[in-house]
Each structure stands twice: as structure tokens, then as C-alpha cells.
Amino acid sequence: MNSSVIDKNKVNIKGPVSSGFKEILTDEAIDFFNEIHKKFENRRLELLELRKKNQLKINGGIFPDFLKDTENIRESEWRIAPIPEDLLDRRVEITGPVDRKMIINALNSNVKVFMADFEDSTSPTWNNIIDGQINLRDAVRRTITFTNPKTQKFYKLNKKTATLMVRPRGWHLVEKNVMINDKPVSASLLDFSLYFYHNAKYLLKNGSGPYFYLPKLESHIEAKLWNDVFNFAQIKLGVPLGSIRATVLIETITAAFEMDEILYELKDHSAGLNCGRWDYIFSFIKKFRKHKKFTLPDRSEVTMERHFLKSYVELLIYTCHKRGAHAMGGMAAQIPIKNNEDANLIAMNKVKEDKKREADSGHDGTWIAHPGLGQIALDAFGVMQNKNQIDRVLNNPDIVQADLLKVPDGDITYAGVRENIKVGIQYVEAWLRGNGCVPLYNLMEDAATAEISRAQLWQWLHNNVIIEGNAFCENQFNDFVVDECSKIRQEIGESRYKNGKFDLAVKLFSEMIKKNDFDEFLTLPAYKFI
């Protein structure tokens, strides 16, 4: 493997480049990315600075609200461009990382769409990212295969497969293995550029298109940046404008107030909005972290029936259907439980109830993390008479600021503290080893759910909340960490614990919670270690 620095028009690729990687990192693909970088990188950095300024306003008590300047967009009549045929039916979507076996199994699943994820369910090691691009290229061309080295089981695509969508990393993330002018490049623009360059024309030729999910947007201005990137890329590559379609995850509290505006900015490229529920809860904690009155109870009590989440769902469905767009439901984190029929029945019933709630509410589809949930979700969405229920326009729910900011009541318990610690530490440890999608205690955890664990602990500690009669303090937190790590050792075995990255994970996780300054994302300080 060649690990020397490759200089291509001031783009320095510092990560190792194998012969397979060279098929993705071609001169032409790098030039294409460089053009996009030169055109849009400064705007990306400006928007990240704007996020910081907006956070200072929230810290000072100026909370998000519907924008007066864009009221005309919310009140006027318009719709997004017609939806492509292979995106009309999205009743069940499976998501997962971009490793080879996962891609094959997901595309072969009994679902309508597979979202290949470079973001929350992928640990962004250099190998994971570029291998992921290779895997997607092969999947698009239907040449992808995989042989399990232990069992010799052979995997290939079925004749009929799910529609492919891709989620690039968020605007806040960089790729340290690709540098321009000694600075790491935007991970978002790199992921998008490489996938689009290598696959857009092939997808269009074969009756599909370059379809994306866009994560972590905080405003319609950030959506406009993506739209401008799309237009530039399509013109540059010579494909028809509007070929790209993107679904935006509404997973920040600020974006919830700008759903109409986000759809409007992307209306020629839109494929709807999605209730990214776990990141949304994390965002709620993060944005209001300086205000004790916004303290949330145990994660287990923050369910979709709570008023602030129910209001968010109602507003999203109403907005999307009014604009002719898909309103996608959220993730079911449960996974089938082997060797325990009673526990598995309880878990599957939870999935069934959750998906029925979404379908009855008006969602056009939902997310699952495991193929074993596919039929349950399909059955729940069997209530739809057509490929979607976009034509089902709900009455205006008249959601106002107070609805979206209503803090749920509930208890904060030591059991909740312990749960957050053991999930957070084990997720960070797996992420440091290169695994971003981790089954823990019969749930599929990714960065979003780990962020809730981390953010809640920070919020409870720094706001000195009372837990079971005592003010939560650093000494208690330290004691719980030691105790939970001892339990983890017993659960997984001494050898696995010692050979893993638990010492580093505990150090990183604990430091992020005890420090006064809140890290915007746990993956930012952890990235230097992979």
C-alpha cells in the first residue's frame, strides 16, 4: 500500500492509497471535488460561524422561533418538483454503515429503500470512508459480492433490490486525510463529490438517480448551500438539473422552525423531510444546555408521545404533505433478541406500536436498523392505500413556539445515569475501533443515541440536578463510571476489555462530561484518535 502524499492541484491526500483506492481517487474525481471545494468551502465555514453566533443568542435567552422574514414562504402556495418513480414508495427504509456485507444485506432486505450512511453509523476511519465509496460504486453497478472469510458464505445482490440513498457526513465534519492549503477538507463535500462523480450518470442511465439524505442542518440557509452545490455539480458533470434528490433530516431544534423554508430552498431537488428523533432530542439538550428549565428526564421517559416531540411530528407531516413531499418517520432502534422469546416478543411489539403510530399519524414511511424488523414495519404501513399518503393533507395543527419548546416532566434517576454511562462508554470504545453502529442491550446504537447519553450527563452534572434526593456531583459521576466499567468487564470478559480501547473511551467520555465547555459533537474530539 502506497502511503506517500499525492499532490493533485493542491489537494493533498495524506491517507494510504491502495490500488483499489486509486480507482476512487482518480485525477478526474479529485479535480471535480476541488472545483466544488473552491466554490463552496468559504460559505460552509461562514455557516459554521453563524451556528456559534446563534448558540450565543440561545445562551442569552433568545430562543428559536418561526422566522418573520420568511413568513411569505410559509404562507404562499408552492410544491416541490414531482417525485421520481423509484422514490414514490418509501414505506420502509433500512439504514446502516457502508461496509460491503451490510450494503448487500440491506439492498436485499424486504424494504423499499436502503440509506447507506457515511455519518452517524460509520466510524470515519480513512479505510471505512474510501472502502465505502468502492462498495457503493460496485453496488450501483450490481457487481458487489462478499465472501465471509470464516464461514466462506457468499453474498451477492438479488435480482430485485431496494432503492439506494446515501447520507454524506454533516457540514460540521472534516476529512483529515485530505488537505487543501494545509487544512482538512469538508467531509460533506468530499463524500458527496466522490459518490456523485462516480455514480450519477450510471444511476440515471439505469432508471434511478443520485439520491441523498442530508444530516444535521440547522437552518434553511444551510439547505440553500446544499442546493447550490447540487446545481453546480450537475452542470459540471453534465447531468440534467433536478436529477439529484435529497431528504433532509429534521434533527435539530432550530431546523424544526424552518421546515417550509428548507423544503423551499431545495424544492427542485427535494425528496421530503425525516423525523430524526434521536438527534433531535440531543439537539434539544445541547441548544438549551445553559438553561436549567430545559433539563430532560431519563432518556427512557422521552418518548414520541411527549408534547414537544408530538408537535414536531405533526408539524413535519403537515408541512411535507402541503408541499407534495414525503414525511418520513424515525428510527426503530430495537433489534431481534435471540434465545429469549418473551423479551423478543416485548421488543417486537414496541416496534409494531411505534410504526403503527407513525402510519396512523400520516407518515409516508419509516426507518429500521435491522432486516428482521422489515415485515413488521411493512405490515404497519399496510394502512396506506397507495405508494405513499402525501395526498392525505392534515388540518393545520397550528404549532407555535411554545409547543416545540415544551419540556416534558419526568424523573431523573441513578438508573438513568448508569444507563447513559454504560451505553456512552461502550459506544465510544467501538467507534474508536472503527465501528459506528453498535448493538448494545438489544438496541442498535449509533452516534445519535450515544450523544443523548453524553449530553444528558453533562446537563445533569452542570445544572446540579437533584437525583433521588441528592445533588448530582462530579464525585458521584466518577464513582458510577468506575462501577459501570467493572460491570462491563464482567459482561464482555477481561481479555476483550484489555484488548479494546476502553481506557481511552473512558477518558474521552468523562472529560467531555466534566469540562465546562460543551463539545458540539462527541466525534469531534474523538476523531484525532482514529
Protein backbone atom coordinates (compact mmCIF):
# COMPACT_ATOMS: atom_id res chain seq x y z
CA MET A 1 0.00 0.00 0.00
CA ASN A 2 1.37 3.38 -1.01
CA SER A 3 1.28 5.86 1.88
CA SER A 4 3.11 8.75 0.23
CA VAL A 5 1.41 12.11 -0.12
CA ILE A 6 -0.23 12.59 -3.52
CA ASP A 7 -0.36 16.19 -4.74
CA LYS A 8 -3.18 16.87 -7.19
CA ASN A 9 -3.92 20.52 -7.88
CA LYS A 10 -3.18 21.44 -4.26
CA VAL A 11 -5.31 18.55 -2.98
CA ASN A 12 -3.04 16.53 -0.71
CA ILE A 13 -4.21 13.01 0.04
CA LYS A 14 -2.38 12.06 3.21
CA GLY A 15 -4.06 8.73 3.88
CA PRO A 16 -2.70 5.47 2.45
CA VAL A 17 -3.77 4.89 -1.15
CA SER A 18 -4.04 1.27 -2.30
CA SER A 19 -4.65 0.25 -5.89
CA GLY A 20 -8.35 -0.06 -5.10
CA PHE A 21 -8.45 3.39 -3.54
CA LYS A 22 -6.88 4.83 -6.70
CA GLU A 23 -9.99 3.74 -8.60
CA ILE A 24 -11.99 6.19 -6.47
CA LEU A 25 -9.33 8.88 -6.00
CA THR A 26 -8.75 9.41 -9.72
CA ASP A 27 -7.34 12.64 -11.11
CA GLU A 28 -10.73 13.47 -12.59
CA ALA A 29 -12.66 12.77 -9.39
CA ILE A 30 -10.22 14.82 -7.32
CA ASP A 31 -10.41 17.70 -9.79
CA PHE A 32 -14.21 17.56 -9.60
CA PHE A 33 -14.10 17.70 -5.81
CA ASN A 34 -11.54 20.51 -5.86
CA GLU A 35 -13.82 22.66 -8.02
CA ILE A 36 -16.67 22.16 -5.54
CA HIS A 37 -14.35 22.87 -2.62
CA LYS A 38 -13.10 26.14 -4.13
CA LYS A 39 -16.64 27.27 -4.88
CA PHE A 40 -18.32 26.45 -1.55
CA GLU A 41 -15.85 25.89 1.30
CA ASN A 42 -15.82 29.51 2.48
CA ARG A 43 -19.62 29.55 2.66
CA ARG A 44 -19.57 26.35 4.72
CA LEU A 45 -17.16 27.92 7.20
CA GLU A 46 -19.29 31.07 7.40
CA LEU A 47 -22.36 28.99 8.22
CA LEU A 48 -20.50 27.18 10.99
CA GLU A 49 -19.59 30.57 12.46
CA LEU A 50 -23.26 31.55 12.23
CA ARG A 51 -24.13 28.46 14.27
CA LYS A 52 -21.84 29.72 17.03
CA LYS A 53 -23.46 33.17 16.99
CA ASN A 54 -26.93 31.64 17.15
CA GLN A 55 -25.87 29.49 20.10
CA LEU A 56 -24.75 32.60 21.97
CA LYS A 57 -28.21 34.09 21.42
CA ILE A 58 -29.85 30.97 22.85
CA ASN A 59 -27.45 31.04 25.80
CA GLY A 60 -28.62 34.61 26.40
CA GLY A 61 -32.29 33.64 26.42
CA ILE A 62 -33.30 34.39 22.82
CA PHE A 63 -34.89 31.09 21.84
CA PRO A 64 -35.63 29.77 18.32
CA ASP A 65 -38.94 30.76 16.76
CA PHE A 66 -40.60 30.88 13.36
CA LEU A 67 -38.87 33.49 11.20
CA LYS A 68 -40.71 36.70 10.37
CA ASP A 69 -38.53 37.35 7.31
CA THR A 70 -39.69 34.15 5.61
CA GLU A 71 -43.37 34.26 6.53
CA ASN A 72 -44.28 34.67 2.86
CA ILE A 73 -42.69 31.29 2.08
CA ARG A 74 -44.76 29.61 4.79
CA GLU A 75 -47.98 31.31 3.73
CA SER A 76 -47.74 31.09 -0.07
CA GLU A 77 -48.75 28.18 -2.31
CA TRP A 78 -45.96 26.11 -3.85
CA ARG A 79 -44.90 22.47 -4.12
CA ILE A 80 -41.66 20.59 -4.61
CA ALA A 81 -40.80 19.09 -8.01
CA PRO A 82 -42.54 15.79 -8.89
CA ILE A 83 -41.02 12.78 -7.12
CA PRO A 84 -39.09 10.18 -9.19
CA GLU A 85 -40.86 6.87 -9.70
CA ASP A 86 -38.41 4.79 -7.66
CA LEU A 87 -38.83 7.11 -4.66
CA LEU A 88 -42.62 7.15 -4.56
CA ASP A 89 -42.87 4.13 -2.25
CA ARG A 90 -40.62 4.54 0.78
CA ARG A 91 -42.79 2.90 3.40
CA VAL A 92 -39.82 1.11 4.99
CA GLU A 93 -36.21 2.27 4.80
CA ILE A 94 -33.28 0.46 6.37
CA THR A 95 -30.14 2.35 7.33
CA GLY A 96 -26.62 1.26 8.12
CA PRO A 97 -22.91 1.73 7.53
CA VAL A 98 -21.18 1.46 4.17
CA ASP A 99 -19.35 -1.83 4.73
CA ARG A 100 -19.63 -4.41 1.98
CA LYS A 101 -21.69 -7.12 3.67
CA MET A 102 -24.09 -4.57 5.17
CA ILE A 103 -24.76 -2.99 1.78
CA ILE A 104 -25.59 -6.34 0.18
CA ASN A 105 -27.84 -7.49 3.02
CA ALA A 106 -29.62 -4.14 3.23
CA LEU A 107 -30.28 -3.88 -0.50
CA ASN A 108 -31.60 -7.46 -0.44
CA SER A 109 -33.86 -6.79 2.55
CA ASN A 110 -37.64 -6.74 2.47
CA VAL A 111 -37.67 -2.93 2.40
CA LYS A 112 -38.15 -0.18 -0.17
CA VAL A 113 -35.02 1.94 0.40
CA PHE A 114 -31.55 1.47 1.84
CA MET A 115 -29.78 4.55 3.17
CA ALA A 116 -26.03 3.92 3.09
CA ASP A 117 -24.60 6.03 5.88
CA PHE A 118 -21.24 7.79 5.96
CA GLU A 119 -22.33 9.69 9.06
CA ASP A 120 -23.73 8.52 12.42
CA SER A 121 -23.43 4.76 11.83
CA THR A 122 -19.95 4.84 10.29
CA SER A 123 -16.76 5.48 12.23
CA PRO A 124 -14.91 7.71 9.72
CA THR A 125 -11.58 5.93 9.51
CA TRP A 126 -9.86 6.51 6.19
CA ASN A 127 -10.36 2.88 5.21
CA ASN A 128 -14.06 2.94 6.13
CA ILE A 129 -14.69 6.06 4.05
CA ILE A 130 -12.89 5.06 0.86
CA ASP A 131 -13.86 1.39 1.11
CA GLY A 132 -17.42 2.68 1.45
CA GLN A 133 -17.10 4.58 -1.82
CA ILE A 134 -15.75 1.43 -3.52
CA ASN A 135 -18.60 -0.64 -2.11
CA LEU A 136 -21.24 1.83 -3.29
CA ARG A 137 -19.71 2.04 -6.75
CA ASP A 138 -19.88 -1.75 -7.01
CA ALA A 139 -23.43 -1.81 -5.63
CA VAL A 140 -24.61 0.73 -8.19
CA ARG A 141 -23.12 -1.44 -10.95
CA ARG A 142 -24.51 -4.59 -9.30
CA THR A 143 -21.06 -6.22 -9.23
CA ILE A 144 -20.75 -6.16 -5.44
CA THR A 145 -20.06 -9.52 -3.75
CA PHE A 146 -18.67 -10.61 -0.41
CA THR A 147 -17.30 -13.87 0.97
CA ASN A 148 -17.19 -14.32 4.74
CA PRO A 149 -13.57 -15.29 5.47
CA LYS A 150 -14.58 -17.52 8.40
CA THR A 151 -17.63 -19.34 7.04
CA GLN A 152 -16.96 -18.90 3.30
CA LYS A 153 -20.59 -17.84 2.91
CA PHE A 154 -21.03 -15.96 -0.37
CA TYR A 155 -23.16 -12.80 -0.65
CA LYS A 156 -24.45 -11.13 -3.81
CA LEU A 157 -27.35 -8.90 -4.82
CA ASN A 158 -30.77 -10.31 -5.54
CA LYS A 159 -32.41 -9.58 -8.87
CA LYS A 160 -34.70 -7.08 -7.16
CA THR A 161 -33.17 -4.71 -4.63
CA ALA A 162 -34.11 -1.65 -2.61
CA THR A 163 -33.58 1.87 -3.94
CA LEU A 164 -30.24 3.31 -2.81
CA MET A 165 -29.83 6.59 -0.94
CA VAL A 166 -26.60 7.92 0.57
CA ARG A 167 -26.00 10.12 3.61
CA PRO A 168 -22.77 12.14 3.48
CA ARG A 169 -21.25 13.46 6.67
CA GLY A 170 -22.59 16.72 8.15
CA TRP A 171 -21.41 20.27 7.48
CA HIS A 172 -19.51 20.35 10.79
CA LEU A 173 -17.19 17.44 9.96
CA VAL A 174 -13.85 17.43 8.16
CA GLU A 175 -11.77 14.75 6.46
CA LYS A 176 -8.27 14.96 7.93
CA ASN A 177 -6.76 12.63 5.33
CA VAL A 178 -7.45 15.08 2.51
CA MET A 179 -5.90 18.53 2.82
CA ILE A 180 -6.03 21.73 0.79
CA ASN A 181 -3.66 24.52 1.77
CA ASP A 182 -2.74 22.53 4.88
CA LYS A 183 -6.35 22.44 6.10
CA PRO A 184 -8.63 19.39 6.27
CA VAL A 185 -11.43 19.50 3.72
CA SER A 186 -15.18 19.33 4.25
CA ALA A 187 -16.24 15.73 4.82
CA SER A 188 -19.69 16.59 3.43
CA LEU A 189 -18.37 17.87 0.13
CA LEU A 190 -15.86 15.04 -0.22
CA ASP A 191 -18.40 12.27 0.43
CA PHE A 192 -20.91 13.87 -1.92
CA SER A 193 -18.41 14.63 -4.69
CA LEU A 194 -16.86 11.17 -4.87
CA TYR A 195 -20.20 9.35 -4.85
CA PHE A 196 -21.85 11.73 -7.30
CA TYR A 197 -18.91 11.79 -9.71
CA HIS A 198 -18.56 8.02 -9.94
CA ASN A 199 -22.24 7.04 -9.92
CA ALA A 200 -24.66 9.78 -11.03
CA LYS A 201 -24.62 9.04 -14.76
CA TYR A 202 -24.78 5.28 -14.23
CA LEU A 203 -27.76 5.60 -11.87
CA LEU A 204 -29.65 7.87 -14.27
CA LYS A 205 -28.91 5.58 -17.22
CA ASN A 206 -30.47 2.69 -15.29
CA GLY A 207 -33.68 4.38 -14.23
CA SER A 208 -32.72 5.73 -10.82
CA GLY A 209 -30.74 8.74 -9.69
CA PRO A 210 -28.29 10.18 -7.17
CA TYR A 211 -30.42 10.29 -4.03
CA PHE A 212 -29.20 11.66 -0.71
CA TYR A 213 -30.09 12.19 2.93
CA LEU A 214 -28.78 15.45 4.41
CA PRO A 215 -27.93 15.41 8.14
CA LYS A 216 -27.64 17.95 10.95
CA LEU A 217 -28.92 21.01 9.08
CA GLU A 218 -29.69 23.89 11.43
CA SER A 219 -31.32 26.35 9.02
CA HIS A 220 -32.73 26.91 5.55
CA ILE A 221 -29.55 28.82 4.70
CA GLU A 222 -27.63 25.58 5.13
CA ALA A 223 -30.16 23.87 2.85
CA LYS A 224 -29.58 26.59 0.26
CA LEU A 225 -25.86 25.82 0.33
CA TRP A 226 -26.61 22.18 -0.47
CA ASN A 227 -28.93 23.25 -3.28
CA ASP A 228 -26.23 25.44 -4.79
CA VAL A 229 -23.75 22.55 -4.53
CA PHE A 230 -26.25 20.31 -6.33
CA ASN A 231 -26.77 22.77 -9.17
CA PHE A 232 -23.05 23.33 -9.62
CA ALA A 233 -22.25 19.60 -9.56
CA GLN A 234 -24.97 18.69 -12.05
CA ILE A 235 -23.86 21.37 -14.51
CA LYS A 236 -20.20 20.43 -14.06
CA LEU A 237 -20.86 16.74 -14.70
CA GLY A 238 -23.34 17.38 -17.48
CA VAL A 239 -26.42 15.75 -15.98
CA PRO A 240 -29.91 17.30 -16.03
CA LEU A 241 -30.74 19.78 -13.29
CA GLY A 242 -33.08 18.18 -10.78
CA SER A 243 -31.50 14.74 -11.14
CA ILE A 244 -30.37 14.88 -7.52
CA ARG A 245 -33.00 14.29 -4.85
CA ALA A 246 -32.40 14.87 -1.16
CA THR A 247 -34.34 14.19 2.01
CA VAL A 248 -33.43 16.47 4.90
CA LEU A 249 -33.34 15.08 8.40
CA ILE A 250 -35.08 17.48 10.74
CA GLU A 251 -32.89 16.58 13.68
CA THR A 252 -32.11 19.96 15.21
CA ILE A 253 -34.49 22.14 17.18
CA THR A 254 -33.60 25.18 15.06
CA ALA A 255 -34.44 23.40 11.79
CA ALA A 256 -37.86 22.47 13.21
CA PHE A 257 -38.85 26.13 12.95
CA GLU A 258 -37.76 26.29 9.27
CA MET A 259 -39.28 23.19 7.66
CA ASP A 260 -41.14 25.11 4.96
CA GLU A 261 -38.08 27.18 4.20
CA ILE A 262 -35.82 24.12 3.95
CA LEU A 263 -38.18 22.44 1.50
CA TYR A 264 -38.43 25.69 -0.46
CA GLU A 265 -34.68 26.10 -0.83
CA LEU A 266 -34.39 22.52 -2.09
CA LYS A 267 -37.72 22.36 -3.92
CA ASP A 268 -36.22 21.31 -7.28
CA HIS A 269 -34.14 18.65 -5.52
CA SER A 270 -36.31 17.74 -2.55
CA ALA A 271 -37.44 14.26 -1.60
CA GLY A 272 -39.03 15.27 1.69
CA LEU A 273 -38.17 15.55 5.37
CA ASN A 274 -37.43 12.94 8.02
CA CYS A 275 -38.05 12.94 11.78
CA GLY A 276 -34.51 12.26 13.00
CA ARG A 277 -35.82 11.76 16.51
CA TRP A 278 -32.66 10.77 18.40
CA ASP A 279 -30.52 13.63 17.11
CA TYR A 280 -33.49 15.94 17.63
CA ILE A 281 -33.60 15.07 21.33
CA PHE A 282 -29.83 15.52 21.51
CA SER A 283 -30.15 18.92 19.82
CA PHE A 284 -32.83 19.97 22.31
CA ILE A 285 -30.48 19.21 25.20
CA LYS A 286 -27.46 20.76 23.51
CA LYS A 287 -29.03 24.01 22.37
CA PHE A 288 -30.65 24.78 25.74
CA ARG A 289 -27.84 23.42 27.89
CA LYS A 290 -27.31 26.73 29.70
CA HIS A 291 -30.92 26.84 30.88
CA LYS A 292 -31.83 24.56 33.77
CA LYS A 293 -35.55 24.75 32.96
CA PHE A 294 -34.87 22.73 29.79
CA THR A 295 -33.47 19.74 31.70
CA LEU A 296 -34.88 16.49 30.33
CA PRO A 297 -35.74 13.39 32.40
CA ASP A 298 -34.29 9.91 31.85
CA ARG A 299 -33.94 9.01 28.18
CA SER A 300 -36.48 6.19 28.62
CA GLU A 301 -39.14 8.78 29.52
CA VAL A 302 -38.56 10.98 26.47
CA THR A 303 -40.97 9.18 24.14
CA MET A 304 -42.65 10.31 20.94
CA GLU A 305 -45.93 10.83 22.82
CA ARG A 306 -44.41 13.77 24.70
CA HIS A 307 -45.88 17.10 23.62
CA PHE A 308 -42.73 18.68 22.20
CA LEU A 309 -41.99 15.61 20.06
CA LYS A 310 -45.62 15.01 19.08
CA SER A 311 -45.85 18.65 17.96
CA TYR A 312 -42.66 18.30 15.92
CA VAL A 313 -44.09 15.23 14.17
CA GLU A 314 -47.44 16.87 13.43
CA LEU A 315 -45.78 19.96 12.01
CA LEU A 316 -43.45 17.90 9.82
CA ILE A 317 -46.24 15.78 8.34
CA TYR A 318 -48.48 18.77 7.74
CA THR A 319 -45.68 20.78 6.12
CA CYS A 320 -44.48 17.97 3.87
CA HIS A 321 -47.90 16.94 2.59
CA LYS A 322 -48.86 20.54 1.95
CA ARG A 323 -45.78 20.79 -0.29
CA GLY A 324 -46.15 17.41 -2.02
CA ALA A 325 -43.23 15.85 -0.15
CA HIS A 326 -42.62 12.64 1.79
CA ALA A 327 -42.88 12.90 5.58
CA MET A 328 -40.62 10.13 6.83
CA GLY A 329 -40.82 8.65 10.31
CA GLY A 330 -37.98 7.90 12.69
CA MET A 331 -35.72 5.03 13.63
CA ALA A 332 -36.75 1.90 15.47
CA ALA A 333 -33.58 1.08 17.40
CA GLN A 334 -34.77 -2.36 18.53
CA ILE A 335 -33.15 -5.49 17.12
CA PRO A 336 -34.39 -9.10 17.34
CA ILE A 337 -33.44 -10.78 20.62
CA LYS A 338 -32.14 -14.30 20.19
CA ASN A 339 -32.64 -17.06 22.76
CA ASN A 340 -35.30 -15.16 24.71
CA GLU A 341 -38.74 -15.42 23.15
CA ASP A 342 -40.53 -13.40 25.82
CA ALA A 343 -38.09 -10.47 25.64
CA ASN A 344 -38.14 -10.60 21.85
CA LEU A 345 -41.95 -10.51 21.78
CA ILE A 346 -41.96 -7.41 24.00
CA ALA A 347 -39.36 -5.68 21.81
CA MET A 348 -41.14 -6.52 18.56
CA ASN A 349 -44.47 -5.30 19.97
CA LYS A 350 -42.80 -1.98 20.77
CA VAL A 351 -41.70 -1.72 17.15
CA LYS A 352 -45.19 -2.63 15.95
CA GLU A 353 -46.81 0.03 18.16
CA ASP A 354 -44.27 2.67 17.13
CA LYS A 355 -44.70 2.02 13.41
CA LYS A 356 -48.48 1.88 13.68
CA ARG A 357 -48.40 5.27 15.43
CA GLU A 358 -46.32 6.69 12.59
CA ALA A 359 -48.53 5.27 9.84
CA ASP A 360 -51.73 6.40 11.54
CA SER A 361 -50.26 9.87 12.09
CA GLY A 362 -49.69 10.30 8.36
CA HIS A 363 -46.04 9.42 7.81
CA ASP A 364 -45.20 8.04 4.37
CA GLY A 365 -42.54 5.66 5.63
CA THR A 366 -40.23 4.81 8.46
CA TRP A 367 -36.72 3.72 9.42
CA ILE A 368 -35.44 0.43 10.79
CA ALA A 369 -31.93 -0.65 11.77
CA HIS A 370 -32.27 -4.41 11.28
CA PRO A 371 -33.71 -6.50 8.41
CA GLY A 372 -35.64 -8.57 10.95
CA LEU A 373 -37.98 -5.62 11.51
CA GLY A 374 -38.82 -5.18 7.83
CA GLN A 375 -42.07 -7.15 7.72
CA ILE A 376 -43.34 -5.63 10.98
CA ALA A 377 -42.87 -2.14 9.56
CA LEU A 378 -44.34 -3.09 6.18
CA ASP A 379 -47.42 -4.50 7.89
CA ALA A 380 -47.87 -1.32 9.92
CA PHE A 381 -47.76 0.80 6.79
CA GLY A 382 -50.20 -1.52 5.06
CA VAL A 383 -52.86 1.03 6.03
CA MET A 384 -51.68 3.14 3.08
CA GLN A 385 -53.86 2.61 0.03
CA ASN A 386 -51.19 3.94 -2.33
CA LYS A 387 -47.40 4.10 -2.51
CA ASN A 388 -47.49 6.95 0.00
CA GLN A 389 -50.08 9.12 1.72
CA ILE A 390 -48.83 12.51 0.59
CA ASP A 391 -52.35 13.31 -0.62
CA ARG A 392 -53.53 13.00 2.97
CA VAL A 393 -53.28 16.66 3.94
CA LEU A 394 -53.87 17.14 7.64
CA ASN A 395 -55.63 20.06 9.24
CA ASN A 396 -53.20 22.79 10.21
CA PRO A 397 -52.01 21.78 13.70
CA ASP A 398 -51.24 25.46 14.48
CA ILE A 399 -47.96 24.62 16.15
CA VAL A 400 -46.38 27.61 17.90
CA GLN A 401 -43.04 28.17 19.60
CA ALA A 402 -44.33 27.02 22.99
CA ASP A 403 -45.36 23.63 21.56
CA LEU A 404 -41.89 22.84 20.23
CA LEU A 405 -40.17 24.09 23.39
CA LYS A 406 -42.42 22.43 25.98
CA VAL A 407 -40.16 20.48 28.35
CA PRO A 408 -41.52 17.06 29.36
CA ASP A 409 -41.78 16.25 33.03
CA GLY A 410 -40.43 13.04 34.49
CA ASP A 411 -37.83 11.59 36.81
CA ILE A 412 -34.06 11.67 36.66
CA THR A 413 -32.78 8.53 38.34
CA TYR A 414 -29.48 6.89 39.18
CA ALA A 415 -30.57 4.06 36.89
CA GLY A 416 -30.79 6.63 34.09
CA VAL A 417 -27.32 7.92 34.95
CA ARG A 418 -25.88 4.41 34.88
CA GLU A 419 -27.60 3.58 31.59
CA ASN A 420 -26.15 6.67 29.94
CA ILE A 421 -22.66 5.88 31.23
CA LYS A 422 -22.56 2.25 30.14
CA VAL A 423 -24.05 2.95 26.71
CA GLY A 424 -21.90 6.03 26.10
CA ILE A 425 -18.59 4.44 27.05
CA GLN A 426 -19.21 1.26 25.07
CA TYR A 427 -20.29 3.19 22.00
CA VAL A 428 -17.24 5.49 22.07
CA GLU A 429 -14.97 2.46 22.52
CA ALA A 430 -16.49 0.74 19.48
CA TRP A 431 -16.28 3.96 17.44
CA LEU A 432 -12.58 4.29 18.27
CA ARG A 433 -12.10 0.75 16.93
CA GLY A 434 -13.77 1.72 13.66
CA ASN A 435 -17.33 0.54 14.32
CA GLY A 436 -20.04 3.22 14.26
CA CYS A 437 -23.13 1.00 14.51
CA VAL A 438 -23.15 -0.99 17.75
CA PRO A 439 -25.72 -3.44 19.18
CA LEU A 440 -25.96 -2.80 22.93
CA TYR A 441 -28.56 -4.26 25.27
CA ASN A 442 -30.89 -5.23 22.41
CA LEU A 443 -30.79 -1.79 20.78
CA MET A 444 -28.78 -0.64 17.77
CA GLU A 445 -26.85 2.37 18.97
CA ASP A 446 -25.20 4.93 16.72
CA ALA A 447 -23.63 8.32 17.32
CA ALA A 448 -27.03 9.98 17.80
CA THR A 449 -28.15 7.81 20.71
CA ALA A 450 -24.69 8.00 22.29
CA GLU A 451 -24.91 11.79 22.02
CA ILE A 452 -28.10 11.76 24.11
CA SER A 453 -26.29 9.78 26.81
CA ARG A 454 -23.36 12.18 26.81
CA ALA A 455 -25.46 15.35 26.65
CA GLN A 456 -27.84 14.29 29.41
CA LEU A 457 -24.98 13.52 31.77
CA TRP A 458 -23.41 16.92 31.04
CA GLN A 459 -26.74 18.68 31.53
CA TRP A 460 -27.49 16.91 34.80
CA LEU A 461 -23.98 17.43 36.19
CA HIS A 462 -23.55 21.09 35.27
CA ASN A 463 -27.05 22.05 36.36
CA ASN A 464 -26.64 20.28 39.72
CA VAL A 465 -29.92 18.43 39.31
CA ILE A 466 -31.37 16.60 42.28
CA ILE A 467 -31.36 12.85 41.77
CA GLU A 468 -33.12 10.72 44.35
CA GLY A 469 -32.69 13.43 46.98
CA ASN A 470 -29.06 14.34 46.27
CA ALA A 471 -27.42 16.97 44.07
CA PHE A 472 -25.62 15.17 41.25
CA CYS A 473 -21.91 15.94 41.52
CA GLU A 474 -18.60 15.02 39.91
CA ASN A 475 -17.63 12.59 42.66
CA GLN A 476 -20.84 10.64 42.13
CA PHE A 477 -20.24 10.60 38.40
CA ASN A 478 -16.69 9.31 38.86
CA ASP A 479 -17.89 6.55 41.19
CA PHE A 480 -20.57 5.48 38.73
CA VAL A 481 -18.04 5.35 35.88
CA VAL A 482 -15.76 3.05 37.89
CA ASP A 483 -18.69 0.84 38.86
CA GLU A 484 -20.13 0.59 35.35
CA CYS A 485 -16.72 -0.15 33.84
CA SER A 486 -16.36 -3.01 36.32
CA LYS A 487 -19.71 -4.38 35.16
CA ILE A 488 -18.69 -4.03 31.50
CA ARG A 489 -15.53 -6.04 32.23
CA GLN A 490 -17.66 -8.80 33.70
CA GLU A 491 -20.09 -8.75 30.77
CA ILE A 492 -17.54 -8.88 27.94
CA GLY A 493 -14.60 -10.57 29.66
CA GLU A 494 -11.21 -9.33 30.84
CA SER A 495 -9.40 -10.15 27.59
CA ARG A 496 -11.84 -8.24 25.39
CA TYR A 497 -11.75 -5.28 27.78
CA LYS A 498 -7.94 -5.11 27.91
CA ASN A 499 -7.53 -5.56 24.17
CA GLY A 500 -10.10 -2.89 23.38
CA LYS A 501 -9.91 0.88 23.67
CA PHE A 502 -11.80 1.25 26.92
CA ASP A 503 -9.18 3.31 28.78
CA LEU A 504 -9.21 5.92 26.02
CA ALA A 505 -13.00 5.77 25.69
CA VAL A 506 -13.49 6.34 29.43
CA LYS A 507 -11.02 9.23 29.40
CA LEU A 508 -12.64 10.94 26.41
CA PHE A 509 -16.20 10.35 27.57
CA SER A 510 -15.54 11.53 31.12
CA GLU A 511 -13.62 14.62 30.03
CA MET A 512 -16.41 15.68 27.68
CA ILE A 513 -18.94 15.46 30.50
CA LYS A 514 -16.88 17.13 33.24
CA LYS A 515 -15.49 20.06 31.24
CA ASN A 516 -17.36 23.36 31.42
CA ASP A 517 -17.41 23.91 27.66
CA PHE A 518 -19.79 21.55 25.91
CA ASP A 519 -18.33 19.82 22.84
CA GLU A 520 -20.76 20.29 19.96
CA PHE A 521 -20.35 16.65 18.89
CA LEU A 522 -18.56 13.81 20.67
CA THR A 523 -16.99 12.70 17.39
CA LEU A 524 -15.04 15.96 17.06
CA PRO A 525 -12.56 15.42 19.94
CA ALA A 526 -12.55 11.65 19.30
CA TYR A 527 -11.68 11.97 15.59
CA LYS A 528 -7.99 12.64 16.24
CA PHE A 529 -7.65 9.13 17.70
CA ILE A 530 -8.79 7.14 14.65
